[in-house]
Protein backbone atom coordinates (compact mmCIF):
# COMPACT_ATOMS: atom_id res chain seq x y z
CA UNK A 1 0.22 -0.15 -0.10
CA UNK A 2 1.42 4.01 -0.63
CA UNK A 3 0.08 7.02 0.81
CA UNK A 4 1.07 10.48 -1.10
CA UNK A 5 2.52 12.93 1.77
CA UNK A 6 4.10 16.41 0.82
CA UNK A 7 4.82 15.52 -3.47
CA UNK A 8 6.71 11.90 -2.21
CA UNK A 9 4.74 8.47 -2.00
CA UNK A 10 5.33 5.74 0.22
CA UNK A 11 4.81 2.50 0.88
CA UNK A 12 3.38 1.35 3.71
CA UNK A 13 2.58 -2.37 5.47
CA UNK A 14 0.92 -2.91 8.93
CA UNK A 15 3.10 -5.32 10.88
CA UNK A 16 3.60 -6.45 14.71
CA UNK A 17 6.68 -4.47 14.84
CA UNK A 18 5.05 -0.76 13.40
CA UNK A 19 2.19 -1.27 15.86
CA UNK A 20 5.16 -2.29 19.01
CA UNK A 21 6.89 0.87 17.33
CA UNK A 22 3.54 3.49 17.43
CA UNK A 23 2.51 2.28 21.02
CA UNK A 24 5.99 2.42 22.75
CA UNK A 25 6.39 5.83 20.95
CA UNK A 26 3.34 7.24 21.89
CA UNK A 27 1.79 5.08 24.75
CA UNK A 28 -1.33 4.96 22.41
CA UNK A 29 -2.65 2.09 20.23
CA UNK A 30 -2.46 1.96 16.88
CA UNK A 31 -5.68 -0.64 16.33
CA UNK A 32 -8.07 1.69 18.51
CA UNK A 33 -5.78 4.51 16.92
CA UNK A 34 -7.48 3.45 13.53
CA UNK A 35 -10.58 2.19 14.94
CA UNK A 36 -10.99 5.94 16.54
CA UNK A 37 -10.87 7.49 12.83
CA UNK A 38 -13.30 4.89 11.84
CA UNK A 39 -15.52 6.56 13.85
CA UNK A 40 -14.95 9.49 13.40
CA UNK A 41 -15.40 9.38 9.72
CA UNK A 42 -19.33 7.87 10.65
CA UNK A 43 -19.67 10.19 13.26
CA UNK A 44 -18.77 13.22 10.76
CA UNK A 45 -20.72 12.07 7.23
CA UNK A 46 -22.76 14.58 5.62
CA UNK A 47 -20.20 17.03 7.32
CA UNK A 48 -18.13 19.03 5.79
CA UNK A 49 -14.50 17.93 4.77
CA UNK A 50 -12.66 20.81 6.61
CA UNK A 51 -15.20 19.10 10.39
CA UNK A 52 -13.67 15.66 9.72
CA UNK A 53 -9.99 16.61 9.15
CA UNK A 54 -10.58 19.19 12.27
CA UNK A 55 -11.91 16.06 14.21
CA UNK A 56 -9.31 13.44 13.06
CA UNK A 57 -6.51 16.03 14.61
CA UNK A 58 -8.95 16.39 17.99
CA UNK A 59 -8.23 12.54 17.82
CA UNK A 60 -4.56 12.13 16.43
CA UNK A 61 -2.56 15.16 16.39
CA UNK A 62 0.02 16.89 14.54
CA UNK A 63 2.97 15.02 16.64
CA UNK A 64 1.17 11.33 17.09
CA UNK A 65 -0.20 11.55 13.06
CA UNK A 66 3.09 11.50 11.93
CA UNK A 67 4.63 9.14 14.50
CA UNK A 68 1.68 6.48 12.72
CA UNK A 69 2.35 7.69 8.88
CA UNK A 70 6.76 6.81 9.75
CA UNK A 71 5.90 3.81 11.88
CA UNK A 72 3.93 2.35 9.13
CA UNK A 73 6.40 3.69 5.98
CA UNK A 74 9.28 2.63 7.96
CA UNK A 75 8.44 -0.58 7.62
CA UNK A 76 9.39 -0.84 3.54
CA UNK A 77 11.84 1.43 3.81
CA UNK A 78 14.59 1.17 7.29
CA UNK A 79 16.42 4.47 6.26
CA UNK A 80 13.36 6.72 6.33
CA UNK A 81 13.74 9.49 9.30
CA UNK A 82 10.66 10.84 11.49
CA UNK A 83 12.11 14.03 10.43
CA UNK A 84 10.69 13.63 7.45
CA UNK A 85 7.58 12.05 7.84
CA UNK A 86 6.97 15.03 10.25
CA UNK A 87 8.70 18.14 8.37
CA UNK A 88 6.24 17.04 4.97
CA UNK A 89 3.40 17.03 7.25
CA UNK A 90 4.79 20.18 8.86
CA UNK A 91 4.73 21.32 4.97
CA UNK A 92 1.06 20.32 4.01
CA UNK A 93 -0.44 22.92 6.17
CA UNK A 94 -3.15 21.93 8.34
CA UNK A 95 -6.69 21.70 5.66
CA UNK A 96 -7.17 20.38 3.07
CA UNK A 97 -6.60 22.33 0.03
CA UNK A 98 -8.62 22.78 -3.11
CA UNK A 99 -6.05 21.86 -5.11
CA UNK A 100 -7.55 17.97 -6.25
CA UNK A 101 -2.74 16.63 -6.22
CA UNK A 102 -3.58 14.20 -3.55
CA UNK A 103 0.07 15.01 -2.65
CA UNK A 104 -0.60 18.77 -1.00
CA UNK A 105 -3.70 17.69 1.44
CA UNK A 106 -2.60 17.71 5.81
CA UNK A 107 -1.85 14.63 7.28
CA UNK A 108 -5.24 14.34 8.36
CA UNK A 109 -6.73 13.65 4.88
CA UNK A 110 -3.77 11.22 4.50
CA UNK A 111 -4.61 8.81 7.03
CA UNK A 112 -8.36 9.09 6.13
CA UNK A 113 -6.95 7.74 2.47
CA UNK A 114 -4.99 5.32 4.11
CA UNK A 115 -8.48 3.76 6.52
CA UNK A 116 -10.21 3.05 3.36
CA UNK A 117 -7.46 1.56 1.84
CA UNK A 118 -6.38 -0.67 5.05
CA UNK A 119 -9.60 -1.50 5.94
CA UNK A 120 -10.23 -2.74 2.23
CA UNK A 121 -7.51 -4.68 2.19
CA UNK A 122 -8.23 -6.38 5.53
CA UNK A 123 -12.74 -7.50 4.38
CA UNK A 124 -10.30 -8.78 1.64
CA UNK A 125 -7.92 -10.82 3.25
CA UNK A 126 -10.76 -12.01 6.18
CA UNK A 127 -12.97 -12.78 2.86
CA UNK A 128 -10.08 -15.10 1.83
CA UNK A 129 -9.23 -16.60 4.54
CA UNK A 130 -13.27 -17.76 5.49
CA UNK A 131 -13.18 -18.88 2.21
CA UNK A 132 -9.32 -20.54 2.80
CA UNK A 133 -11.44 -22.24 6.32
CA UNK A 134 -14.84 -23.21 5.09
CA UNK A 135 -14.12 -24.35 1.59
CA UNK A 136 -17.59 -25.18 0.78
CA UNK A 137 -17.85 -24.12 -2.69
CA UNK A 138 -17.47 -26.05 -5.80
CA UNK A 139 -14.36 -26.46 -6.76
CA UNK A 140 -12.61 -24.70 -3.50
CA UNK A 141 -11.99 -28.11 -1.40
CA UNK A 142 -9.35 -28.80 -4.27
CA UNK A 143 -6.84 -29.75 -1.56
CA UNK A 144 -8.28 -32.37 -0.75
CA UNK A 145 -10.11 -34.17 -3.53
CA UNK A 146 -6.05 -35.12 -4.94
């Protein structure tokens, strides 16, 4: 998966190490933080994007937000520094810009976009895991037929 921040693209993934590092740095759980953002997104459906970004920023501030992005991106690029992500978060500002360019959006909008990708990824993995564990459809139980 990838996120775009301040005219740069970063690969990222969720690992146990990322969860541990985020907890170590912030004292917060990665899943509970992301679940909190999801709750904010659902509570603010139909509202303005600005209000949504403001509420996300209240939940995960401009210090913990860059740490979250950094701990996830560091899993794909061990030479990445927190200072790079923190600087990028500062440079893109605190509110969504009218330019439809994904690279120029604030960390709160980046987190929102990532949340959608993460949710979709885990939903697909859960569906596949269930199919793998419960092969009941025709042609799916090929391993036992051999």
